[in-house]
């Protein structure tokens, strides 16, 4: 696999939710595949279209982070924890995939960014905001990255390779044999997910 890979809309996969009540667009997963069971992936990144209130699909053994992209917001109601209300763009909530969660829309549909990682295999970190303010992106052994550009334009470069990203594109950075910085030039807003393999 190349160190840097650009993913565009033609590379994404739009499918029904695991519980059949909504749609998700999968941007990337490891390893590749079509099954949605938690055992089928180490990590997965997607964008969900939420048009109605309802329960979240369960993903036992998976850590999840959800960020609001578009819409007035959503209230996450947990069976065994205090509710969380998301009303600002890129506001995030992190929770266990096995938790019983119901989403309540505040005022119409939303689009939400979802990052999932199997906790027995991967430790994940998620950041979002202006690309200039994101943590340094460094390709390194045992670590993979997925950056999704929400708006603007950015050029990513590393090890002599250059990739131009437009709004809606994603950048996948593979694990490297030795640390290698990935430079981002340009302006935009993005979500950046880091996946570090557990020993």
Protein backbone atom coordinates (compact mmCIF):
# COMPACT_ATOMS: atom_id res chain seq x y z
CA UNK A 1 0.00 0.00 0.00
CA UNK A 2 1.25 3.49 -0.86
CA UNK A 3 2.08 5.72 2.09
CA UNK A 4 -0.49 8.32 0.96
CA UNK A 5 -3.77 7.53 -0.78
CA UNK A 6 -6.56 9.91 -1.83
CA UNK A 7 -10.11 8.65 -1.37
CA UNK A 8 -12.90 10.43 -3.27
CA UNK A 9 -16.67 9.98 -3.38
CA UNK A 10 -16.35 7.20 -5.98
CA UNK A 11 -14.29 5.20 -3.45
CA UNK A 12 -16.88 5.45 -0.67
CA UNK A 13 -19.60 2.88 0.03
CA UNK A 14 -23.16 3.93 0.93
CA UNK A 15 -25.14 1.28 2.80
CA UNK A 16 -28.08 0.82 5.11
CA UNK A 17 -27.37 0.98 8.82
CA UNK A 18 -26.80 -2.29 10.60
CA UNK A 19 -30.29 -1.92 12.17
CA UNK A 20 -31.85 -0.95 8.81
CA UNK A 21 -33.26 2.43 9.89
CA UNK A 22 -30.84 4.82 8.17
CA UNK A 23 -27.93 5.23 5.77
CA UNK A 24 -24.21 5.52 6.21
CA UNK A 25 -21.43 6.35 3.77
CA UNK A 26 -18.31 4.41 4.65
CA UNK A 27 -15.14 6.35 3.88
CA UNK A 28 -12.61 3.70 4.88
CA UNK A 29 -12.06 0.64 7.04
CA UNK A 30 -9.34 -1.79 7.94
CA UNK A 31 -9.33 -4.46 6.76
CA UNK A 32 -11.46 -3.87 3.65
CA UNK A 33 -14.74 -5.74 3.43
CA UNK A 34 -18.50 -5.43 3.37
CA UNK A 35 -19.62 -6.94 6.69
CA UNK A 36 -20.72 -4.52 9.42
CA UNK A 37 -20.17 -6.78 12.43
CA UNK A 38 -17.62 -5.41 14.90
CA UNK A 39 -15.48 -8.52 14.33
CA UNK A 40 -15.20 -7.62 10.63
CA UNK A 41 -13.04 -4.50 11.11
CA UNK A 42 -10.24 -3.12 13.27
CA UNK A 43 -11.36 0.44 12.56
CA UNK A 44 -14.01 2.14 10.44
CA UNK A 45 -14.83 5.73 9.46
CA UNK A 46 -18.20 6.79 8.05
CA UNK A 47 -20.76 9.58 7.71
CA UNK A 48 -24.33 8.81 8.82
CA UNK A 49 -27.52 10.44 7.54
CA UNK A 50 -30.01 10.62 10.40
CA UNK A 51 -33.58 11.45 9.39
CA UNK A 52 -35.55 10.23 12.41
CA UNK A 53 -35.24 9.41 16.10
CA UNK A 54 -34.17 5.87 16.89
CA UNK A 55 -31.75 3.46 18.55
CA UNK A 56 -28.14 3.16 17.52
CA UNK A 57 -26.87 -0.13 16.13
CA UNK A 58 -24.88 -2.05 18.77
CA UNK A 59 -21.17 -2.68 18.17
CA UNK A 60 -19.89 -4.73 21.13
CA UNK A 61 -16.18 -4.35 21.86
CA UNK A 62 -15.91 -1.15 19.82
CA UNK A 63 -15.11 2.40 20.93
CA UNK A 64 -17.10 5.05 19.03
CA UNK A 65 -16.81 8.79 18.53
CA UNK A 66 -19.56 10.80 16.85
CA UNK A 67 -19.19 14.40 15.61
CA UNK A 68 -22.03 16.59 14.38
CA UNK A 69 -21.44 17.78 10.81
CA UNK A 70 -24.74 19.33 9.67
CA UNK A 71 -28.15 20.04 11.14
CA UNK A 72 -29.59 21.54 14.32
CA UNK A 73 -28.25 18.71 16.45
CA UNK A 74 -29.03 15.53 18.32
CA UNK A 75 -29.53 14.37 21.88
CA UNK A 76 -27.92 11.03 22.73
CA UNK A 77 -29.86 9.23 25.45
CA UNK A 78 -27.99 6.42 27.21
CA UNK A 79 -29.58 3.63 29.24
CA UNK A 80 -26.92 3.85 31.95
CA UNK A 81 -25.35 7.32 31.61
CA UNK A 82 -26.31 10.98 31.44
CA UNK A 83 -27.55 12.23 28.04
CA UNK A 84 -25.29 14.22 25.73
CA UNK A 85 -26.62 16.96 23.45
CA UNK A 86 -24.70 17.95 20.31
CA UNK A 87 -25.65 21.32 18.84
CA UNK A 88 -22.43 22.77 17.40
CA UNK A 89 -20.65 21.67 14.26
CA UNK A 90 -17.84 19.23 15.11
CA UNK A 91 -19.04 18.86 18.71
CA UNK A 92 -18.25 15.27 19.68
CA UNK A 93 -19.41 12.46 21.94
CA UNK A 94 -17.43 9.31 22.70
CA UNK A 95 -19.05 6.12 23.98
CA UNK A 96 -18.85 2.34 23.97
CA UNK A 97 -20.35 0.56 20.99
CA UNK A 98 -22.22 -1.87 23.22
CA UNK A 99 -24.00 0.97 25.08
CA UNK A 100 -27.76 1.24 24.60
CA UNK A 101 -28.13 4.63 22.89
CA UNK A 102 -31.11 6.39 21.32
CA UNK A 103 -30.68 9.44 19.12
CA UNK A 104 -33.28 12.25 19.36
CA UNK A 105 -33.14 14.89 16.63
CA UNK A 106 -33.52 18.45 17.89
CA UNK A 107 -34.94 20.04 14.74
CA UNK A 108 -34.71 17.99 11.55
CA UNK A 109 -32.16 15.66 9.97
CA UNK A 110 -28.45 15.64 10.74
CA UNK A 111 -25.26 14.31 9.20
CA UNK A 112 -22.79 12.84 11.66
CA UNK A 113 -19.17 11.74 11.38
CA UNK A 114 -18.50 8.37 13.00
CA UNK A 115 -15.18 6.83 13.99
CA UNK A 116 -15.06 3.29 15.38
CA UNK A 117 -12.18 1.13 16.58
CA UNK A 118 -12.11 -2.33 18.12
CA UNK A 119 -10.73 -1.69 21.58
CA UNK A 120 -8.84 -4.99 21.83
CA UNK A 121 -6.85 -4.13 18.69
CA UNK A 122 -6.61 -0.36 18.19
CA UNK A 123 -6.37 2.82 20.23
CA UNK A 124 -8.03 5.72 18.42
CA UNK A 125 -7.80 9.52 18.73
CA UNK A 126 -10.04 11.98 16.88
CA UNK A 127 -9.50 15.71 16.29
CA UNK A 128 -11.44 18.18 14.17
CA UNK A 129 -11.09 21.80 13.11
CA UNK A 130 -8.98 23.98 10.84
CA UNK A 131 -6.24 21.92 9.19
CA UNK A 132 -3.61 24.35 10.50
CA UNK A 133 -4.70 23.60 14.07
CA UNK A 134 -4.77 19.79 13.84
CA UNK A 135 -2.07 17.67 15.53
CA UNK A 136 1.06 16.95 13.52
CA UNK A 137 0.44 14.08 11.14
CA UNK A 138 3.35 11.64 11.26
CA UNK A 139 3.41 8.31 9.46
CA UNK A 140 5.03 5.74 11.75
CA UNK A 141 5.14 2.03 12.50
CA UNK A 142 1.84 0.61 13.74
CA UNK A 143 -0.13 3.82 13.15
CA UNK A 144 -2.64 4.61 10.41
CA UNK A 145 -4.41 7.94 9.78
CA UNK A 146 -7.58 9.03 8.03
CA UNK A 147 -8.16 12.72 7.31
CA UNK A 148 -11.50 13.81 5.83
CA UNK A 149 -11.61 17.30 4.34
CA UNK A 150 -14.95 18.99 4.96
CA UNK A 151 -14.23 22.24 3.13
CA UNK A 152 -11.36 24.11 1.51
CA UNK A 153 -8.41 22.64 -0.35
CA UNK A 154 -5.23 20.99 0.95
CA UNK A 155 -2.10 19.43 -0.51
CA UNK A 156 -0.56 16.57 1.46
CA UNK A 157 3.06 15.58 0.87
CA UNK A 158 5.43 12.97 2.29
CA UNK A 159 8.39 10.97 1.01
CA UNK A 160 8.26 12.69 -2.38
CA UNK A 161 4.55 12.01 -2.92
CA UNK A 162 2.00 14.84 -3.26
CA UNK A 163 -1.77 14.51 -3.13
CA UNK A 164 -4.29 17.31 -3.66
CA UNK A 165 -7.51 17.11 -1.64
CA UNK A 166 -10.78 18.90 -2.31
CA UNK A 167 -13.80 19.18 -0.04
CA UNK A 168 -15.31 15.71 0.42
CA UNK A 169 -12.02 13.89 -0.22
CA UNK A 170 -10.18 11.82 2.37
CA UNK A 171 -6.48 11.10 2.85
CA UNK A 172 -5.44 7.70 4.10
CA UNK A 173 -1.93 7.42 5.53
CA UNK A 174 -0.52 3.93 5.89
CA UNK A 175 1.80 2.74 8.63
CA UNK A 176 5.43 3.48 7.77
CA UNK A 177 8.61 1.54 8.49
CA UNK A 178 10.14 4.65 10.09
CA UNK A 179 8.65 7.99 11.23
CA UNK A 180 7.85 10.25 8.29
CA UNK A 181 6.13 13.66 8.66
CA UNK A 182 3.17 14.37 6.39
CA UNK A 183 2.92 18.07 5.50
CA UNK A 184 -0.46 19.70 4.91
CA UNK A 185 -0.51 22.94 2.91
CA UNK A 186 -3.64 24.97 2.27
CA UNK A 187 -6.73 25.95 4.19
CA UNK A 188 -9.70 23.87 5.17
CA UNK A 189 -11.68 22.17 7.90
CA UNK A 190 -11.14 18.48 8.51
CA UNK A 191 -11.65 15.54 10.83
CA UNK A 192 -8.46 13.62 11.62
CA UNK A 193 -8.54 10.10 13.06
CA UNK A 194 -5.43 8.29 14.34
CA UNK A 195 -5.42 4.51 14.76
CA UNK A 196 -2.55 2.99 16.73
CA UNK A 197 -2.30 -0.79 16.78
CA UNK A 198 -2.07 -2.33 20.24
CA UNK A 199 0.88 -4.66 20.90
